[in-house]
């Protein structure tokens, strides 16, 4: 089980020594006198090798921080029996790195399952009324029904209000929402084999489209995006034309 332990390791001063590092580079920079550095000189030979291994991994991930399991580090060091934790602690004491042990995948899955059960049980208590239960059932049915909008306006108007409100908070710009919805609708209309068949499918498609487009859109505007999107106004001019 210890082999599956995941370590999150941050190299101190990485960006200072590799300011021009780019994704895809197959090399990284180190000082010509790296082994004359007192921090390195007082480390054991395997600790030095471990440090260089961490540098290479950060370079490969193009980040000052990398993650690796105990088993992966042992394999890269060519060792089968080695106290990785003590070595990491020594490198940290020498102010070369900082590190922390991350929860294992199994523990994270179990934690998510427990949290999910708590949320579901809480929701059952809060929403355990005939009226709310009926509304939830109706909404689930409508989302799964076959849905074929003829234009962007019809698509937007048919989507659940809570979905549109969530998009308003995440992507608070009307121009962006109109443009991306138009592009998304046009793409799927021109690719009928990929077109969503249900309301849920269209909602997922638009969510993915907005998520991909937002970072690029934000870079093109000089001020902060607006807020309080009025979804009744989206595509209104086109609909009335």
C-alpha atoms as a PDB file:
ATOM      1  CA  UNK A   1       0.000   0.000   0.000  1.00  0.00           C
ATOM      2  CA  UNK A   2       2.907   2.394   0.711  1.00  0.00           C
ATOM      3  CA  UNK A   3       3.928   2.123  -2.953  1.00  0.00           C
ATOM      4  CA  UNK A   4       0.691   3.928  -3.855  1.00  0.00           C
ATOM      5  CA  UNK A   5       1.400   6.917  -1.612  1.00  0.00           C
ATOM      6  CA  UNK A   6       1.251  10.105  -3.685  1.00  0.00           C
ATOM      7  CA  UNK A   7       3.691  12.930  -2.990  1.00  0.00           C
ATOM      8  CA  UNK A   8       3.142  16.514  -4.125  1.00  0.00           C
ATOM      9  CA  UNK A   9       6.563  18.124  -4.469  1.00  0.00           C
ATOM     10  CA  UNK A  10       7.382  21.788  -5.127  1.00  0.00           C
ATOM     11  CA  UNK A  11      10.865  22.843  -6.238  1.00  0.00           C
ATOM     12  CA  UNK A  12      11.955  26.090  -4.573  1.00  0.00           C
ATOM     13  CA  UNK A  13      13.382  28.623  -7.027  1.00  0.00           C
ATOM     14  CA  UNK A  14      12.343  26.644 -10.106  1.00  0.00           C
ATOM     15  CA  UNK A  15      10.957  29.625 -12.031  1.00  0.00           C
ATOM     16  CA  UNK A  16      14.005  31.721 -11.108  1.00  0.00           C
ATOM     17  CA  UNK A  17      16.413  29.243 -12.692  1.00  0.00           C
ATOM     18  CA  UNK A  18      14.157  28.262 -15.622  1.00  0.00           C
ATOM     19  CA  UNK A  19      12.417  31.524 -16.599  1.00  0.00           C
ATOM     20  CA  UNK A  20      12.173  30.619 -20.311  1.00  0.00           C
ATOM     21  CA  UNK A  21      10.982  27.067 -19.832  1.00  0.00           C
ATOM     22  CA  UNK A  22       8.135  26.124 -22.169  1.00  0.00           C
ATOM     23  CA  UNK A  23       5.830  23.156 -22.455  1.00  0.00           C
ATOM     24  CA  UNK A  24       7.396  20.489 -24.619  1.00  0.00           C
ATOM     25  CA  UNK A  25      11.013  21.361 -23.750  1.00  0.00           C
ATOM     26  CA  UNK A  26      13.110  18.231 -23.322  1.00  0.00           C
ATOM     27  CA  UNK A  27      15.677  19.851 -21.054  1.00  0.00           C
ATOM     28  CA  UNK A  28      16.011  22.148 -18.048  1.00  0.00           C
ATOM     29  CA  UNK A  29      18.731  24.397 -16.641  1.00  0.00           C
ATOM     30  CA  UNK A  30      20.896  23.794 -13.585  1.00  0.00           C
ATOM     31  CA  UNK A  31      23.915  25.686 -12.299  1.00  0.00           C
ATOM     32  CA  UNK A  32      27.364  24.594 -13.497  1.00  0.00           C
ATOM     33  CA  UNK A  33      28.367  24.480  -9.838  1.00  0.00           C
ATOM     34  CA  UNK A  34      25.278  22.738  -8.527  1.00  0.00           C
ATOM     35  CA  UNK A  35      27.319  20.177  -6.605  1.00  0.00           C
ATOM     36  CA  UNK A  36      29.367  22.929  -4.952  1.00  0.00           C
ATOM     37  CA  UNK A  37      26.185  24.281  -3.364  1.00  0.00           C
ATOM     38  CA  UNK A  38      26.240  23.559   0.368  1.00  0.00           C
ATOM     39  CA  UNK A  39      22.610  22.393   0.250  1.00  0.00           C
ATOM     40  CA  UNK A  40      23.533  19.780  -2.367  1.00  0.00           C
ATOM     41  CA  UNK A  41      26.952  18.943  -0.960  1.00  0.00           C
ATOM     42  CA  UNK A  42      25.501  17.929   2.413  1.00  0.00           C
ATOM     43  CA  UNK A  43      23.004  15.572   0.751  1.00  0.00           C
ATOM     44  CA  UNK A  44      23.690  11.904   0.140  1.00  0.00           C
ATOM     45  CA  UNK A  45      24.316  10.627  -3.385  1.00  0.00           C
ATOM     46  CA  UNK A  46      20.808   9.163  -3.597  1.00  0.00           C
ATOM     47  CA  UNK A  47      19.282  12.401  -2.285  1.00  0.00           C
ATOM     48  CA  UNK A  48      21.110  14.287  -5.038  1.00  0.00           C
ATOM     49  CA  UNK A  49      19.803  11.833  -7.600  1.00  0.00           C
ATOM     50  CA  UNK A  50      16.314  12.188  -6.141  1.00  0.00           C
ATOM     51  CA  UNK A  51      16.554  15.980  -6.415  1.00  0.00           C
ATOM     52  CA  UNK A  52      17.625  15.784 -10.072  1.00  0.00           C
ATOM     53  CA  UNK A  53      14.798  13.321 -10.687  1.00  0.00           C
ATOM     54  CA  UNK A  54      12.307  15.795  -9.223  1.00  0.00           C
ATOM     55  CA  UNK A  55      13.754  18.603 -11.381  1.00  0.00           C
ATOM     56  CA  UNK A  56      13.341  16.447 -14.484  1.00  0.00           C
ATOM     57  CA  UNK A  57       9.764  15.602 -13.558  1.00  0.00           C
ATOM     58  CA  UNK A  58       8.864  19.273 -12.983  1.00  0.00           C
ATOM     59  CA  UNK A  59      10.423  20.131 -16.325  1.00  0.00           C
ATOM     60  CA  UNK A  60       8.428  17.396 -18.012  1.00  0.00           C
ATOM     61  CA  UNK A  61       5.216  18.723 -16.457  1.00  0.00           C
ATOM     62  CA  UNK A  62       6.262  22.348 -17.140  1.00  0.00           C
ATOM     63  CA  UNK A  63       5.474  23.289 -13.563  1.00  0.00           C
ATOM     64  CA  UNK A  64       7.201  24.220 -10.335  1.00  0.00           C
ATOM     65  CA  UNK A  65       5.186  21.405  -8.727  1.00  0.00           C
ATOM     66  CA  UNK A  66       4.971  17.738  -9.638  1.00  0.00           C
ATOM     67  CA  UNK A  67       3.249  14.668  -8.236  1.00  0.00           C
ATOM     68  CA  UNK A  68       4.585  11.139  -8.054  1.00  0.00           C
ATOM     69  CA  UNK A  69       3.900   7.943  -6.179  1.00  0.00           C
ATOM     70  CA  UNK A  70       6.481   6.338  -3.952  1.00  0.00           C
ATOM     71  CA  UNK A  71       6.734   3.476  -6.436  1.00  0.00           C
ATOM     72  CA  UNK A  72       7.419   5.865  -9.338  1.00  0.00           C
ATOM     73  CA  UNK A  73      10.211   7.620  -7.455  1.00  0.00           C
ATOM     74  CA  UNK A  74      11.755   4.308  -6.429  1.00  0.00           C
ATOM     75  CA  UNK A  75      11.705   3.114 -10.049  1.00  0.00           C
ATOM     76  CA  UNK A  76      13.334   6.325 -11.318  1.00  0.00           C
ATOM     77  CA  UNK A  77      16.034   5.977  -8.659  1.00  0.00           C
ATOM     78  CA  UNK A  78      16.575   2.329  -9.561  1.00  0.00           C
ATOM     79  CA  UNK A  79      15.967   1.304  -5.958  1.00  0.00           C
ATOM     80  CA  UNK A  80      13.743  -1.324  -4.371  1.00  0.00           C
ATOM     81  CA  UNK A  81      14.373  -0.514  -0.708  1.00  0.00           C
ATOM     82  CA  UNK A  82      14.862   3.160   0.117  1.00  0.00           C
ATOM     83  CA  UNK A  83      13.426   5.580   2.667  1.00  0.00           C
ATOM     84  CA  UNK A  84      11.897   8.168   0.307  1.00  0.00           C
ATOM     85  CA  UNK A  85      10.218  10.111   3.119  1.00  0.00           C
ATOM     86  CA  UNK A  86      13.469  10.690   5.004  1.00  0.00           C
ATOM     87  CA  UNK A  87      15.159  11.810   1.788  1.00  0.00           C
ATOM     88  CA  UNK A  88      12.344  14.235   0.979  1.00  0.00           C
ATOM     89  CA  UNK A  89      12.488  15.611   4.509  1.00  0.00           C
ATOM     90  CA  UNK A  90      16.228  16.184   4.204  1.00  0.00           C
ATOM     91  CA  UNK A  91      15.803  18.015   0.882  1.00  0.00           C
ATOM     92  CA  UNK A  92      13.093  20.122   2.501  1.00  0.00           C
ATOM     93  CA  UNK A  93      15.307  20.920   5.498  1.00  0.00           C
ATOM     94  CA  UNK A  94      17.951  22.111   3.022  1.00  0.00           C
ATOM     95  CA  UNK A  95      15.327  24.414   1.468  1.00  0.00           C
ATOM     96  CA  UNK A  96      15.508  22.728  -1.929  1.00  0.00           C
ATOM     97  CA  UNK A  97      11.902  21.543  -2.017  1.00  0.00           C
ATOM     98  CA  UNK A  98       8.676  21.420  -0.061  1.00  0.00           C
ATOM     99  CA  UNK A  99       6.474  18.363  -0.146  1.00  0.00           C
ATOM    100  CA  UNK A 100       3.314  16.839   1.256  1.00  0.00           C
ATOM    101  CA  UNK A 101       1.659  13.440   1.120  1.00  0.00           C
ATOM    102  CA  UNK A 102      -1.607  13.474  -0.797  1.00  0.00           C
ATOM    103  CA  UNK A 103      -4.604  11.245  -0.054  1.00  0.00           C
ATOM    104  CA  UNK A 104      -4.496   8.014  -2.011  1.00  0.00           C
ATOM    105  CA  UNK A 105      -6.957   7.475  -4.852  1.00  0.00           C
ATOM    106  CA  UNK A 106      -8.806   4.870  -2.808  1.00  0.00           C
ATOM    107  CA  UNK A 107      -9.196   7.293   0.116  1.00  0.00           C
ATOM    108  CA  UNK A 108     -10.409  10.074  -2.195  1.00  0.00           C
ATOM    109  CA  UNK A 109     -13.006   7.788  -3.777  1.00  0.00           C
ATOM    110  CA  UNK A 110     -14.253   6.708  -0.351  1.00  0.00           C
ATOM    111  CA  UNK A 111     -14.379  10.338   0.831  1.00  0.00           C
ATOM    112  CA  UNK A 112     -16.364  11.367  -2.241  1.00  0.00           C
ATOM    113  CA  UNK A 113     -18.765   8.460  -1.727  1.00  0.00           C
ATOM    114  CA  UNK A 114     -19.385   9.433   1.905  1.00  0.00           C
ATOM    115  CA  UNK A 115     -19.876  13.114   1.022  1.00  0.00           C
ATOM    116  CA  UNK A 116     -22.239  12.134  -1.788  1.00  0.00           C
ATOM    117  CA  UNK A 117     -24.301   9.981   0.572  1.00  0.00           C
ATOM    118  CA  UNK A 118     -24.495  12.842   3.098  1.00  0.00           C
ATOM    119  CA  UNK A 119     -25.684  15.283   0.421  1.00  0.00           C
ATOM    120  CA  UNK A 120     -28.250  12.820  -0.916  1.00  0.00           C
ATOM    121  CA  UNK A 121     -29.621  12.048   2.541  1.00  0.00           C
ATOM    122  CA  UNK A 122     -29.818  15.758   3.402  1.00  0.00           C
ATOM    123  CA  UNK A 123     -31.546  16.499   0.117  1.00  0.00           C
ATOM    124  CA  UNK A 124     -34.083  13.739   0.763  1.00  0.00           C
ATOM    125  CA  UNK A 125     -35.009  15.346   4.096  1.00  0.00           C
ATOM    126  CA  UNK A 126     -35.280  18.886   2.718  1.00  0.00           C
ATOM    127  CA  UNK A 127     -37.105  17.964  -0.471  1.00  0.00           C
ATOM    128  CA  UNK A 128     -39.309  15.238   0.942  1.00  0.00           C
ATOM    129  CA  UNK A 129     -42.616  16.909   0.053  1.00  0.00           C
ATOM    130  CA  UNK A 130     -45.080  15.725  -2.635  1.00  0.00           C
ATOM    131  CA  UNK A 131     -44.987  19.023  -4.546  1.00  0.00           C
ATOM    132  CA  UNK A 132     -41.198  19.297  -4.728  1.00  0.00           C
ATOM    133  CA  UNK A 133     -40.838  15.595  -5.524  1.00  0.00           C
ATOM    134  CA  UNK A 134     -43.309  15.968  -8.415  1.00  0.00           C
ATOM    135  CA  UNK A 135     -41.384  18.981  -9.772  1.00  0.00           C
ATOM    136  CA  UNK A 136     -38.108  17.050  -9.650  1.00  0.00           C
ATOM    137  CA  UNK A 137     -39.628  14.069 -11.466  1.00  0.00           C
ATOM    138  CA  UNK A 138     -41.098  16.360 -14.122  1.00  0.00           C
ATOM    139  CA  UNK A 139     -37.774  18.095 -14.634  1.00  0.00           C
ATOM    140  CA  UNK A 140     -35.904  14.791 -15.012  1.00  0.00           C
ATOM    141  CA  UNK A 141     -38.426  13.587 -17.579  1.00  0.00           C
ATOM    142  CA  UNK A 142     -38.245  16.823 -19.587  1.00  0.00           C
ATOM    143  CA  UNK A 143     -34.450  16.730 -19.647  1.00  0.00           C
ATOM    144  CA  UNK A 144     -34.478  13.190 -21.019  1.00  0.00           C
ATOM    145  CA  UNK A 145     -37.194  13.760 -23.638  1.00  0.00           C
ATOM    146  CA  UNK A 146     -36.194  14.064 -27.278  1.00  0.00           C
ATOM    147  CA  UNK A 147     -35.564  17.717 -28.111  1.00  0.00           C
ATOM    148  CA  UNK A 148     -34.786  19.227 -31.518  1.00  0.00           C
ATOM    149  CA  UNK A 149     -34.624  23.053 -31.442  1.00  0.00           C
ATOM    150  CA  UNK A 150     -34.855  24.911 -34.760  1.00  0.00           C
ATOM    151  CA  UNK A 151     -32.651  27.852 -33.711  1.00  0.00           C
ATOM    152  CA  UNK A 152     -30.475  29.171 -30.908  1.00  0.00           C
ATOM    153  CA  UNK A 153     -33.261  31.236 -29.346  1.00  0.00           C
ATOM    154  CA  UNK A 154     -35.556  28.236 -29.023  1.00  0.00           C
ATOM    155  CA  UNK A 155     -32.717  26.242 -27.503  1.00  0.00           C
ATOM    156  CA  UNK A 156     -31.828  28.872 -24.885  1.00  0.00           C
ATOM    157  CA  UNK A 157     -35.455  29.555 -23.920  1.00  0.00           C
ATOM    158  CA  UNK A 158     -36.165  25.839 -23.394  1.00  0.00           C
ATOM    159  CA  UNK A 159     -33.236  25.220 -21.047  1.00  0.00           C
ATOM    160  CA  UNK A 160     -33.867  25.076 -17.260  1.00  0.00           C
ATOM    161  CA  UNK A 161     -33.628  28.413 -15.463  1.00  0.00           C
ATOM    162  CA  UNK A 162     -31.166  27.126 -12.853  1.00  0.00           C
ATOM    163  CA  UNK A 163     -28.824  25.983 -15.634  1.00  0.00           C
ATOM    164  CA  UNK A 164     -28.859  29.414 -17.256  1.00  0.00           C
ATOM    165  CA  UNK A 165     -28.348  31.141 -13.915  1.00  0.00           C
ATOM    166  CA  UNK A 166     -25.301  28.980 -13.278  1.00  0.00           C
ATOM    167  CA  UNK A 167     -23.875  29.950 -16.678  1.00  0.00           C
ATOM    168  CA  UNK A 168     -24.559  33.618 -15.868  1.00  0.00           C
ATOM    169  CA  UNK A 169     -22.391  33.350 -12.757  1.00  0.00           C
ATOM    170  CA  UNK A 170     -19.609  31.461 -14.534  1.00  0.00           C
ATOM    171  CA  UNK A 171     -19.611  33.438 -17.801  1.00  0.00           C
ATOM    172  CA  UNK A 172     -21.082  36.904 -17.062  1.00  0.00           C
ATOM    173  CA  UNK A 173     -21.002  38.382 -20.571  1.00  0.00           C
ATOM    174  CA  UNK A 174     -23.949  38.459 -22.973  1.00  0.00           C
ATOM    175  CA  UNK A 175     -21.811  38.836 -26.105  1.00  0.00           C
ATOM    176  CA  UNK A 176     -19.819  35.745 -25.202  1.00  0.00           C
ATOM    177  CA  UNK A 177     -22.906  33.642 -24.420  1.00  0.00           C
ATOM    178  CA  UNK A 178     -24.685  34.618 -27.637  1.00  0.00           C
ATOM    179  CA  UNK A 179     -21.630  34.035 -29.801  1.00  0.00           C
ATOM    180  CA  UNK A 180     -20.689  30.686 -28.285  1.00  0.00           C
ATOM    181  CA  UNK A 181     -24.290  29.421 -28.292  1.00  0.00           C
ATOM    182  CA  UNK A 182     -24.553  30.328 -31.977  1.00  0.00           C
ATOM    183  CA  UNK A 183     -21.272  28.584 -32.779  1.00  0.00           C
ATOM    184  CA  UNK A 184     -22.270  25.509 -30.778  1.00  0.00           C
ATOM    185  CA  UNK A 185     -25.721  25.281 -32.400  1.00  0.00           C
ATOM    186  CA  UNK A 186     -24.258  25.777 -35.880  1.00  0.00           C
ATOM    187  CA  UNK A 187     -21.589  23.131 -35.340  1.00  0.00           C
ATOM    188  CA  UNK A 188     -24.055  20.434 -34.333  1.00  0.00           C
ATOM    189  CA  UNK A 189     -26.559  21.367 -37.057  1.00  0.00           C
ATOM    190  CA  UNK A 190     -23.754  20.890 -39.579  1.00  0.00           C
ATOM    191  CA  UNK A 191     -22.775  17.589 -37.968  1.00  0.00           C
ATOM    192  CA  UNK A 192     -26.090  15.732 -37.601  1.00  0.00           C
ATOM    193  CA  UNK A 193     -24.412  12.484 -36.516  1.00  0.00           C
ATOM    194  CA  UNK A 194     -23.086  14.264 -33.395  1.00  0.00           C
ATOM    195  CA  UNK A 195     -26.136  16.413 -32.606  1.00  0.00           C
ATOM    196  CA  UNK A 196     -27.564  16.064 -29.070  1.00  0.00           C
ATOM    197  CA  UNK A 197     -30.965  14.360 -28.960  1.00  0.00           C
ATOM    198  CA  UNK A 198     -32.233  15.544 -25.578  1.00  0.00           C
ATOM    199  CA  UNK A 199     -32.364  18.690 -23.463  1.00  0.00           C
ATOM    200  CA  UNK A 200     -29.717  17.195 -21.190  1.00  0.00           C
ATOM    201  CA  UNK A 201     -27.477  16.544 -24.184  1.00  0.00           C
ATOM    202  CA  UNK A 202     -27.783  20.136 -25.399  1.00  0.00           C
ATOM    203  CA  UNK A 203     -27.110  21.449 -21.895  1.00  0.00           C
ATOM    204  CA  UNK A 204     -23.921  19.382 -21.632  1.00  0.00           C
ATOM    205  CA  UNK A 205     -22.818  20.453 -25.116  1.00  0.00           C
ATOM    206  CA  UNK A 206     -23.272  24.153 -24.336  1.00  0.00           C
ATOM    207  CA  UNK A 207     -21.514  23.791 -20.978  1.00  0.00           C
ATOM    208  CA  UNK A 208     -18.469  22.275 -22.691  1.00  0.00           C
ATOM    209  CA  UNK A 209     -18.537  24.966 -25.385  1.00  0.00           C
ATOM    210  CA  UNK A 210     -18.681  27.799 -22.840  1.00  0.00           C
ATOM    211  CA  UNK A 211     -15.935  26.250 -20.700  1.00  0.00           C
ATOM    212  CA  UNK A 212     -13.545  25.961 -23.673  1.00  0.00           C
ATOM    213  CA  UNK A 213     -14.274  29.415 -25.042  1.00  0.00           C
ATOM    214  CA  UNK A 214     -14.292  31.523 -21.879  1.00  0.00           C
ATOM    215  CA  UNK A 215     -10.499  31.651 -21.170  1.00  0.00           C
ATOM    216  CA  UNK A 216      -9.822  32.879 -24.722  1.00  0.00           C
ATOM    217  CA  UNK A 217     -12.644  35.428 -24.578  1.00  0.00           C
ATOM    218  CA  UNK A 218     -11.457  36.918 -21.281  1.00  0.00           C
ATOM    219  CA  UNK A 219      -8.055  37.655 -22.835  1.00  0.00           C
ATOM    220  CA  UNK A 220      -9.692  39.783 -25.544  1.00  0.00           C
ATOM    221  CA  UNK A 221     -11.562  42.197 -23.262  1.00  0.00           C
ATOM    222  CA  UNK A 222     -10.030  45.191 -21.495  1.00  0.00           C
ATOM    223  CA  UNK A 223     -12.430  45.397 -18.543  1.00  0.00           C
ATOM    224  CA  UNK A 224     -14.003  42.915 -16.190  1.00  0.00           C
ATOM    225  CA  UNK A 225     -16.954  40.953 -17.676  1.00  0.00           C
ATOM    226  CA  UNK A 226     -20.421  42.218 -16.809  1.00  0.00           C
ATOM    227  CA  UNK A 227     -22.999  40.428 -14.683  1.00  0.00           C
ATOM    228  CA  UNK A 228     -26.751  39.901 -14.200  1.00  0.00           C
ATOM    229  CA  UNK A 229     -27.451  38.349 -17.603  1.00  0.00           C
ATOM    230  CA  UNK A 230     -31.095  38.689 -18.680  1.00  0.00           C
ATOM    231  CA  UNK A 231     -31.708  35.428 -20.499  1.00  0.00           C
ATOM    232  CA  UNK A 232     -35.041  36.669 -21.871  1.00  0.00           C
ATOM    233  CA  UNK A 233     -33.044  39.192 -23.913  1.00  0.00           C
ATOM    234  CA  UNK A 234     -30.621  36.661 -25.390  1.00  0.00           C
ATOM    235  CA  UNK A 235     -31.216  36.395 -29.167  1.00  0.00           C
ATOM    236  CA  UNK A 236     -34.330  38.535 -28.763  1.00  0.00           C
ATOM    237  CA  UNK A 237     -33.522  40.724 -31.754  1.00  0.00           C
ATOM    238  CA  UNK A 238     -32.996  37.676 -33.960  1.00  0.00           C
ATOM    239  CA  UNK A 239     -36.233  36.080 -32.760  1.00  0.00           C
ATOM    240  CA  UNK A 240     -38.274  39.225 -33.523  1.00  0.00           C
ATOM    241  CA  UNK A 241     -36.669  39.759 -36.907  1.00  0.00           C
END
